[in-house]
């Protein structure tokens, strides 16, 4: 599984998936939420674990 790191504190973030399909990542240490905004190419690369 691909882990997303918080850009502020570099800790692992928790993935939250909503019913409409979009995902947000929340850092429990910083209490910040980041919405995933990927292009089609970004989604393909994410699945291939390049980015």
C-alpha atoms as a PDB file:
ATOM      1  CA  UNK A   1       0.000   0.000   0.000  1.00  0.00           C
ATOM      2  CA  UNK A   2       1.207   3.445  -0.905  1.00  0.00           C
ATOM      3  CA  UNK A   3       1.645   5.739   2.074  1.00  0.00           C
ATOM      4  CA  UNK A   4       1.213   9.480   1.743  1.00  0.00           C
ATOM      5  CA  UNK A   5       3.465  11.668   3.896  1.00  0.00           C
ATOM      6  CA  UNK A   6       2.346  14.981   5.354  1.00  0.00           C
ATOM      7  CA  UNK A   7       4.209  17.869   3.690  1.00  0.00           C
ATOM      8  CA  UNK A   8       4.439  19.679   7.041  1.00  0.00           C
ATOM      9  CA  UNK A   9       5.572  17.063   9.568  1.00  0.00           C
ATOM     10  CA  UNK A  10       6.520  14.120   7.259  1.00  0.00           C
ATOM     11  CA  UNK A  11       4.326  11.664   9.191  1.00  0.00           C
ATOM     12  CA  UNK A  12       1.998   9.181   7.485  1.00  0.00           C
ATOM     13  CA  UNK A  13      -1.468  10.453   6.689  1.00  0.00           C
ATOM     14  CA  UNK A  14      -4.804   8.618   6.915  1.00  0.00           C
ATOM     15  CA  UNK A  15      -6.802   8.178   3.711  1.00  0.00           C
ATOM     16  CA  UNK A  16     -10.530   8.986   3.793  1.00  0.00           C
ATOM     17  CA  UNK A  17     -12.638   7.944   0.803  1.00  0.00           C
ATOM     18  CA  UNK A  18     -16.079   9.471   0.313  1.00  0.00           C
ATOM     19  CA  UNK A  19     -19.129   7.905  -1.356  1.00  0.00           C
ATOM     20  CA  UNK A  20     -18.738  10.067  -4.461  1.00  0.00           C
ATOM     21  CA  UNK A  21     -15.269   8.624  -5.014  1.00  0.00           C
ATOM     22  CA  UNK A  22     -12.951  11.488  -4.084  1.00  0.00           C
ATOM     23  CA  UNK A  23     -10.296  10.979  -1.459  1.00  0.00           C
ATOM     24  CA  UNK A  24      -8.864  13.198   1.226  1.00  0.00           C
ATOM     25  CA  UNK A  25      -5.793  12.629   3.320  1.00  0.00           C
ATOM     26  CA  UNK A  26      -5.706  13.770   6.927  1.00  0.00           C
ATOM     27  CA  UNK A  27      -2.668  14.155   9.128  1.00  0.00           C
ATOM     28  CA  UNK A  28      -3.509  13.367  12.741  1.00  0.00           C
ATOM     29  CA  UNK A  29      -0.403  15.133  13.999  1.00  0.00           C
ATOM     30  CA  UNK A  30      -1.018  18.452  12.201  1.00  0.00           C
ATOM     31  CA  UNK A  31      -4.829  18.066  12.044  1.00  0.00           C
ATOM     32  CA  UNK A  32      -4.778  19.106   8.394  1.00  0.00           C
ATOM     33  CA  UNK A  33      -6.743  17.624   5.540  1.00  0.00           C
ATOM     34  CA  UNK A  34      -5.472  17.452   1.980  1.00  0.00           C
ATOM     35  CA  UNK A  35      -7.777  16.745  -0.920  1.00  0.00           C
ATOM     36  CA  UNK A  36      -6.456  14.525  -3.669  1.00  0.00           C
ATOM     37  CA  UNK A  37      -6.405  16.447  -6.939  1.00  0.00           C
ATOM     38  CA  UNK A  38      -4.766  14.251  -9.527  1.00  0.00           C
ATOM     39  CA  UNK A  39      -4.973  14.359 -13.274  1.00  0.00           C
ATOM     40  CA  UNK A  40      -5.604  11.201 -15.257  1.00  0.00           C
ATOM     41  CA  UNK A  41      -1.850  10.777 -15.717  1.00  0.00           C
ATOM     42  CA  UNK A  42      -1.339  11.290 -11.992  1.00  0.00           C
ATOM     43  CA  UNK A  43      -3.873   8.570 -11.189  1.00  0.00           C
ATOM     44  CA  UNK A  44      -2.169   6.139 -13.565  1.00  0.00           C
ATOM     45  CA  UNK A  45       1.238   6.904 -12.082  1.00  0.00           C
ATOM     46  CA  UNK A  46      -0.166   6.559  -8.550  1.00  0.00           C
ATOM     47  CA  UNK A  47      -1.498   3.101  -9.428  1.00  0.00           C
ATOM     48  CA  UNK A  48       1.917   2.179 -10.784  1.00  0.00           C
ATOM     49  CA  UNK A  49       3.434   3.605  -7.561  1.00  0.00           C
ATOM     50  CA  UNK A  50       5.740   5.948  -9.415  1.00  0.00           C
ATOM     51  CA  UNK A  51       4.546   9.034  -7.545  1.00  0.00           C
END
